[in-house]
N, C-alpha and C. Protein backbone atom coordinates (compact mmCIF):
# COMPACT_ATOMS: atom_id res chain seq x y z
N MET A 1 -38.48 45.31 -34.95
CA MET A 1 -37.79 44.88 -33.74
C MET A 1 -38.23 45.77 -32.59
N ASN A 2 -38.34 45.19 -31.43
CA ASN A 2 -38.69 46.03 -30.29
C ASN A 2 -37.45 46.73 -29.76
N ILE A 3 -37.65 47.63 -28.83
CA ILE A 3 -36.57 48.50 -28.35
C ILE A 3 -35.43 47.71 -27.70
N LEU A 4 -35.73 46.64 -26.99
CA LEU A 4 -34.69 45.85 -26.35
C LEU A 4 -33.78 45.19 -27.39
N LEU A 5 -34.38 44.68 -28.47
CA LEU A 5 -33.56 44.09 -29.53
C LEU A 5 -32.72 45.14 -30.24
N TRP A 6 -33.26 46.37 -30.41
CA TRP A 6 -32.47 47.45 -31.01
C TRP A 6 -31.26 47.77 -30.14
N ILE A 7 -31.44 47.77 -28.83
CA ILE A 7 -30.33 48.06 -27.92
C ILE A 7 -29.28 46.95 -27.99
N ILE A 8 -29.72 45.70 -27.98
CA ILE A 8 -28.78 44.58 -28.06
C ILE A 8 -28.07 44.58 -29.41
N PHE A 9 -28.83 44.78 -30.48
CA PHE A 9 -28.27 44.82 -31.83
C PHE A 9 -27.30 45.98 -31.97
N GLY A 10 -27.66 47.14 -31.43
CA GLY A 10 -26.78 48.31 -31.47
C GLY A 10 -25.51 48.09 -30.68
N ALA A 11 -25.63 47.48 -29.50
CA ALA A 11 -24.46 47.21 -28.68
C ALA A 11 -23.51 46.25 -29.40
N LEU A 12 -24.05 45.24 -30.03
CA LEU A 12 -23.22 44.27 -30.73
C LEU A 12 -22.54 44.92 -31.94
N ALA A 13 -23.30 45.63 -32.75
CA ALA A 13 -22.73 46.28 -33.93
C ALA A 13 -21.72 47.36 -33.53
N GLY A 14 -22.05 48.15 -32.51
CA GLY A 14 -21.14 49.19 -32.04
C GLY A 14 -19.86 48.63 -31.46
N TRP A 15 -19.98 47.53 -30.73
CA TRP A 15 -18.79 46.91 -30.14
C TRP A 15 -17.88 46.36 -31.24
N ILE A 16 -18.45 45.67 -32.23
CA ILE A 16 -17.64 45.14 -33.32
C ILE A 16 -16.94 46.27 -34.07
N ALA A 17 -17.69 47.35 -34.35
CA ALA A 17 -17.10 48.49 -35.06
C ALA A 17 -16.01 49.15 -34.23
N SER A 18 -16.21 49.25 -32.91
CA SER A 18 -15.19 49.88 -32.07
C SER A 18 -13.94 49.03 -31.96
N VAL A 19 -14.09 47.72 -32.01
CA VAL A 19 -12.92 46.84 -32.02
C VAL A 19 -12.17 46.99 -33.35
N ILE A 20 -12.91 47.04 -34.45
CA ILE A 20 -12.29 47.22 -35.77
C ILE A 20 -11.53 48.54 -35.83
N MET A 21 -12.13 49.60 -35.29
CA MET A 21 -11.54 50.95 -35.39
C MET A 21 -10.61 51.29 -34.23
N GLY A 22 -10.49 50.42 -33.24
CA GLY A 22 -9.58 50.66 -32.13
C GLY A 22 -10.06 51.69 -31.12
N THR A 23 -11.37 51.89 -31.01
CA THR A 23 -11.92 52.86 -30.07
C THR A 23 -12.65 52.20 -28.91
N ASN A 24 -12.47 50.91 -28.74
CA ASN A 24 -13.24 50.16 -27.76
C ASN A 24 -13.04 50.65 -26.33
N ARG A 25 -11.84 50.96 -25.94
CA ARG A 25 -11.58 51.36 -24.56
C ARG A 25 -12.03 52.77 -24.25
N ARG A 26 -12.17 53.62 -25.25
CA ARG A 26 -12.52 55.02 -25.02
C ARG A 26 -14.01 55.28 -24.93
N GLN A 27 -14.85 54.50 -25.60
CA GLN A 27 -16.25 54.87 -25.66
C GLN A 27 -17.16 54.14 -24.70
N GLY A 28 -16.83 52.97 -24.24
CA GLY A 28 -17.63 52.27 -23.25
C GLY A 28 -18.90 51.67 -23.83
N LEU A 29 -19.70 51.05 -22.96
CA LEU A 29 -20.90 50.34 -23.37
C LEU A 29 -21.95 51.28 -23.95
N LEU A 30 -22.21 52.39 -23.29
CA LEU A 30 -23.23 53.32 -23.78
C LEU A 30 -22.82 53.89 -25.14
N GLY A 31 -21.54 54.20 -25.31
CA GLY A 31 -21.06 54.67 -26.60
C GLY A 31 -21.21 53.62 -27.68
N ASP A 32 -20.93 52.35 -27.34
CA ASP A 32 -21.11 51.26 -28.30
C ASP A 32 -22.58 51.16 -28.73
N ILE A 33 -23.48 51.25 -27.77
CA ILE A 33 -24.90 51.14 -28.08
C ILE A 33 -25.34 52.29 -28.99
N LEU A 34 -24.96 53.51 -28.63
CA LEU A 34 -25.38 54.67 -29.42
C LEU A 34 -24.77 54.64 -30.82
N ILE A 35 -23.48 54.34 -30.91
CA ILE A 35 -22.83 54.27 -32.22
C ILE A 35 -23.40 53.12 -33.05
N GLY A 36 -23.72 52.02 -32.40
CA GLY A 36 -24.30 50.89 -33.11
C GLY A 36 -25.69 51.19 -33.65
N ILE A 37 -26.53 51.84 -32.86
CA ILE A 37 -27.89 52.16 -33.32
C ILE A 37 -27.85 53.21 -34.42
N VAL A 38 -27.10 54.29 -34.21
CA VAL A 38 -27.01 55.32 -35.24
C VAL A 38 -26.30 54.77 -36.49
N GLY A 39 -25.29 53.94 -36.29
CA GLY A 39 -24.61 53.30 -37.41
C GLY A 39 -25.53 52.37 -38.18
N ALA A 40 -26.43 51.66 -37.48
CA ALA A 40 -27.40 50.80 -38.16
C ALA A 40 -28.35 51.63 -39.01
N LEU A 41 -28.78 52.77 -38.48
CA LEU A 41 -29.64 53.65 -39.26
C LEU A 41 -28.91 54.19 -40.49
N LEU A 42 -27.67 54.64 -40.28
CA LEU A 42 -26.86 55.17 -41.38
C LEU A 42 -26.56 54.09 -42.42
N GLY A 43 -26.11 52.94 -41.95
CA GLY A 43 -25.81 51.83 -42.86
C GLY A 43 -27.04 51.32 -43.59
N GLY A 44 -28.17 51.25 -42.89
CA GLY A 44 -29.42 50.82 -43.52
C GLY A 44 -29.88 51.80 -44.58
N TRP A 45 -29.73 53.09 -44.31
CA TRP A 45 -30.11 54.12 -45.28
C TRP A 45 -29.24 54.04 -46.53
N ILE A 46 -27.92 53.91 -46.33
CA ILE A 46 -27.00 53.83 -47.47
C ILE A 46 -27.21 52.53 -48.25
N ALA A 47 -27.35 51.41 -47.54
CA ALA A 47 -27.52 50.12 -48.21
C ALA A 47 -28.84 50.07 -48.98
N SER A 48 -29.89 50.65 -48.44
CA SER A 48 -31.16 50.63 -49.17
C SER A 48 -31.11 51.55 -50.38
N ALA A 49 -30.37 52.66 -50.28
CA ALA A 49 -30.26 53.58 -51.41
C ALA A 49 -29.38 53.00 -52.51
N LEU A 50 -28.30 52.34 -52.15
CA LEU A 50 -27.36 51.83 -53.15
C LEU A 50 -27.66 50.41 -53.62
N LEU A 51 -28.06 49.55 -52.69
CA LEU A 51 -28.22 48.13 -53.01
C LEU A 51 -29.66 47.64 -52.99
N GLY A 52 -30.55 48.44 -52.45
CA GLY A 52 -31.93 48.00 -52.31
C GLY A 52 -32.14 47.04 -51.15
N VAL A 53 -31.15 46.92 -50.26
CA VAL A 53 -31.23 46.04 -49.10
C VAL A 53 -31.05 46.90 -47.86
N GLY A 54 -31.79 46.60 -46.82
CA GLY A 54 -31.65 47.37 -45.59
C GLY A 54 -31.61 46.45 -44.38
N ILE A 55 -31.79 47.04 -43.22
CA ILE A 55 -31.84 46.29 -41.97
C ILE A 55 -33.20 45.60 -41.92
N THR A 56 -33.20 44.28 -41.93
CA THR A 56 -34.46 43.55 -41.98
C THR A 56 -34.77 42.80 -40.70
N GLY A 57 -33.91 42.84 -39.73
CA GLY A 57 -34.11 42.12 -38.49
C GLY A 57 -32.78 41.73 -37.89
N PHE A 58 -32.81 40.78 -37.01
CA PHE A 58 -31.61 40.32 -36.33
C PHE A 58 -31.02 39.17 -37.14
N ASN A 59 -30.27 39.49 -38.21
CA ASN A 59 -29.64 38.47 -39.05
C ASN A 59 -28.25 38.95 -39.46
N LEU A 60 -27.51 38.10 -40.15
CA LEU A 60 -26.12 38.39 -40.48
C LEU A 60 -25.98 39.57 -41.44
N VAL A 61 -26.83 39.64 -42.46
CA VAL A 61 -26.75 40.75 -43.42
C VAL A 61 -27.01 42.07 -42.72
N SER A 62 -28.02 42.11 -41.88
CA SER A 62 -28.34 43.34 -41.14
C SER A 62 -27.20 43.72 -40.20
N LEU A 63 -26.59 42.73 -39.57
CA LEU A 63 -25.47 43.01 -38.68
C LEU A 63 -24.28 43.58 -39.45
N LEU A 64 -23.99 43.02 -40.62
CA LEU A 64 -22.89 43.54 -41.44
C LEU A 64 -23.16 44.97 -41.90
N ILE A 65 -24.40 45.25 -42.27
CA ILE A 65 -24.77 46.61 -42.68
C ILE A 65 -24.64 47.56 -41.50
N ALA A 66 -25.09 47.13 -40.31
CA ALA A 66 -25.01 47.97 -39.12
C ALA A 66 -23.55 48.23 -38.71
N VAL A 67 -22.72 47.21 -38.78
CA VAL A 67 -21.29 47.37 -38.45
C VAL A 67 -20.63 48.31 -39.45
N GLY A 68 -20.94 48.15 -40.73
CA GLY A 68 -20.40 49.05 -41.75
C GLY A 68 -20.82 50.50 -41.50
N GLY A 69 -22.07 50.70 -41.14
CA GLY A 69 -22.54 52.05 -40.83
C GLY A 69 -21.89 52.61 -39.59
N ALA A 70 -21.67 51.76 -38.58
CA ALA A 70 -21.02 52.21 -37.35
C ALA A 70 -19.55 52.56 -37.60
N VAL A 71 -18.87 51.77 -38.44
CA VAL A 71 -17.48 52.09 -38.79
C VAL A 71 -17.44 53.43 -39.53
N LEU A 72 -18.35 53.62 -40.46
CA LEU A 72 -18.42 54.89 -41.19
C LEU A 72 -18.70 56.05 -40.23
N LEU A 73 -19.58 55.84 -39.26
CA LEU A 73 -19.87 56.88 -38.27
C LEU A 73 -18.64 57.22 -37.44
N ILE A 74 -17.86 56.23 -37.04
CA ILE A 74 -16.63 56.49 -36.28
C ILE A 74 -15.63 57.27 -37.13
N VAL A 75 -15.53 56.93 -38.42
CA VAL A 75 -14.64 57.66 -39.32
C VAL A 75 -15.09 59.12 -39.43
N ILE A 76 -16.39 59.35 -39.57
CA ILE A 76 -16.92 60.72 -39.64
C ILE A 76 -16.66 61.47 -38.34
N MET A 77 -16.85 60.80 -37.22
CA MET A 77 -16.61 61.45 -35.92
C MET A 77 -15.13 61.81 -35.76
N ARG A 78 -14.24 60.95 -36.22
CA ARG A 78 -12.81 61.26 -36.15
C ARG A 78 -12.44 62.45 -37.01
N ALA A 79 -13.11 62.60 -38.15
CA ALA A 79 -12.81 63.71 -39.05
C ALA A 79 -13.19 65.06 -38.44
N PHE A 80 -14.21 65.08 -37.60
CA PHE A 80 -14.66 66.33 -37.00
C PHE A 80 -14.07 66.59 -35.62
N ARG A 81 -13.38 65.62 -35.07
CA ARG A 81 -12.77 65.79 -33.75
C ARG A 81 -11.47 66.57 -33.88
N ARG A 82 -11.30 67.56 -33.02
CA ARG A 82 -10.06 68.35 -33.04
C ARG A 82 -8.90 67.53 -32.51
N PRO A 83 -7.74 67.65 -33.12
CA PRO A 83 -6.58 66.94 -32.59
C PRO A 83 -6.13 67.57 -31.28
N ALA A 84 -5.56 66.78 -30.42
CA ALA A 84 -5.06 67.27 -29.15
C ALA A 84 -3.84 68.14 -29.39
N THR A 85 -3.76 69.24 -28.67
CA THR A 85 -2.62 70.14 -28.83
C THR A 85 -1.57 69.81 -27.78
N MET A 86 -0.35 70.03 -28.14
CA MET A 86 0.76 69.78 -27.24
C MET A 86 0.94 70.99 -26.31
N PRO A 87 1.17 70.76 -25.01
CA PRO A 87 1.35 71.90 -24.10
C PRO A 87 2.70 72.56 -24.27
């Protein structure tokens, strides 16, 4: 895929994951794109290691893998984020 399709694919996967995880209003479009692209890489790596299937292009299976990776990335980010302290 060329870079423009990676950006569109990442934005779509990141947006779906942010809606699922309830972080849509906090991260914005750039956050959706970055989380979607990194999530696609993470999900593709895990899916190819466990299932022998990876991101193969702009299709439904690849989108589901990318969304799963993006959701996992948001969960990991939440685990490392410090909780807000009360004043």
